[in-house]
């Protein structure tokens, strides 16, 4: 029997920078997970947060496309972390510059 919409997912920080070593950024990811679970978009079976990436095992709601779900969840967490970096850790924030003309900074 095949389980549909069940995935192992990994997100890595740009250039493997250890941004997630700070507890406040781990908390942002966990709060995002809580929101997704509470809104019944996903069931999370396991996760681990490392200093420069995280892994999850989750089942995405059958009404959601995997790519849309992953994009939306990563966009929220990335923007929230970048906003804090810009306010509180400007040198780290500047180090994430990728040189793109249409966007100044990238996290994932």
Protein backbone atom coordinates (compact mmCIF):
# COMPACT_ATOMS: atom_id res chain seq x y z
CA UNK A 1 0.00 0.00 0.00
CA UNK A 2 1.38 3.40 -0.99
CA UNK A 3 0.99 6.37 1.34
CA UNK A 4 0.16 9.45 -0.71
CA UNK A 5 1.52 12.92 0.02
CA UNK A 6 4.06 11.55 2.52
CA UNK A 7 7.52 13.12 2.14
CA UNK A 8 10.99 13.40 3.60
CA UNK A 9 12.00 17.04 3.10
CA UNK A 10 15.28 18.88 3.62
CA UNK A 11 15.88 22.65 3.54
CA UNK A 12 19.42 24.00 3.61
CA UNK A 13 20.62 27.50 4.38
CA UNK A 14 22.34 29.25 1.49
CA UNK A 15 25.99 28.17 1.31
CA UNK A 16 25.42 25.99 4.39
CA UNK A 17 25.87 28.97 6.74
CA UNK A 18 25.11 27.99 10.37
CA UNK A 19 22.27 30.49 10.84
CA UNK A 20 20.03 27.96 12.58
CA UNK A 21 22.44 27.59 15.48
CA UNK A 22 20.55 30.45 17.13
CA UNK A 23 17.61 29.18 19.17
CA UNK A 24 15.36 32.03 18.06
CA UNK A 25 15.57 30.80 14.46
CA UNK A 26 14.83 27.23 15.49
CA UNK A 27 11.80 28.64 17.31
CA UNK A 28 10.63 30.38 14.10
CA UNK A 29 10.74 27.06 12.26
CA UNK A 30 8.92 25.27 15.07
CA UNK A 31 6.23 27.98 15.24
CA UNK A 32 5.77 27.66 11.48
CA UNK A 33 5.35 23.89 11.89
CA UNK A 34 2.79 24.45 14.64
CA UNK A 35 0.81 26.81 12.42
CA UNK A 36 0.83 24.35 9.51
CA UNK A 37 -0.34 21.52 11.76
CA UNK A 38 -3.03 23.63 13.46
CA UNK A 39 -4.37 24.77 10.09
CA UNK A 40 -4.45 21.10 9.02
CA UNK A 41 -2.17 21.63 6.05
CA UNK A 42 0.32 19.02 7.21
CA UNK A 43 0.93 16.22 9.69
CA UNK A 44 4.49 16.18 10.96
CA UNK A 45 5.86 12.80 12.01
CA UNK A 46 9.46 13.81 12.72
CA UNK A 47 11.87 16.71 12.32
CA UNK A 48 15.40 17.67 13.23
CA UNK A 49 16.95 21.14 13.04
CA UNK A 50 20.70 21.32 12.48
CA UNK A 51 22.85 24.52 12.45
CA UNK A 52 22.60 24.89 8.64
CA UNK A 53 19.64 22.76 7.55
CA UNK A 54 16.60 20.87 8.75
CA UNK A 55 14.80 17.66 7.86
CA UNK A 56 11.12 16.81 8.22
CA UNK A 57 8.97 13.79 7.62
CA UNK A 58 5.49 15.00 6.88
CA UNK A 59 2.24 14.22 5.14
CA UNK A 60 0.86 17.15 3.19
CA UNK A 61 -2.89 17.70 2.95
CA UNK A 62 -4.25 16.01 -0.17
CA UNK A 63 -5.63 19.32 -1.47
CA UNK A 64 -2.17 20.93 -1.62
CA UNK A 65 0.51 20.57 -4.25
CA UNK A 66 3.87 19.57 -2.79
CA UNK A 67 5.79 22.34 -4.58
CA UNK A 68 3.29 25.04 -3.53
CA UNK A 69 3.29 23.86 0.08
CA UNK A 70 7.08 23.77 0.31
CA UNK A 71 7.47 27.16 -1.38
CA UNK A 72 4.95 28.84 0.90
CA UNK A 73 6.32 27.36 4.13
CA UNK A 74 9.94 28.14 3.21
CA UNK A 75 9.05 31.65 2.08
CA UNK A 76 7.45 32.47 5.44
CA UNK A 77 10.27 31.07 7.58
CA UNK A 78 13.01 32.51 5.36
CA UNK A 79 11.50 36.00 5.34
CA UNK A 80 10.92 35.95 9.09
CA UNK A 81 14.50 34.90 9.80
CA UNK A 82 15.92 37.42 7.30
CA UNK A 83 13.88 40.22 8.89
CA UNK A 84 15.43 39.43 12.28
CA UNK A 85 18.92 39.12 10.80
CA UNK A 86 18.53 42.54 9.18
CA UNK A 87 17.45 44.12 12.46
CA UNK A 88 19.78 42.31 14.86
CA UNK A 89 22.66 40.74 12.91
CA UNK A 90 23.37 43.01 9.93
CA UNK A 91 26.76 41.46 9.09
CA UNK A 92 25.25 38.00 8.80
CA UNK A 93 22.40 39.45 6.77
CA UNK A 94 24.87 41.09 4.36
CA UNK A 95 26.77 37.82 3.99
CA UNK A 96 23.66 36.26 2.41
CA UNK A 97 23.81 38.57 -0.61
CA UNK A 98 23.75 36.55 -3.85
CA UNK A 99 24.11 39.37 -6.37
CA UNK A 100 20.75 38.95 -8.07
CA UNK A 101 19.31 42.15 -9.54
CA UNK A 102 15.69 41.29 -8.80
CA UNK A 103 16.25 40.37 -5.14
CA UNK A 104 18.81 41.49 -2.64
CA UNK A 105 18.98 38.57 -0.28
CA UNK A 106 18.19 34.90 -0.26
CA UNK A 107 17.99 32.47 2.61
CA UNK A 108 17.06 29.01 1.31
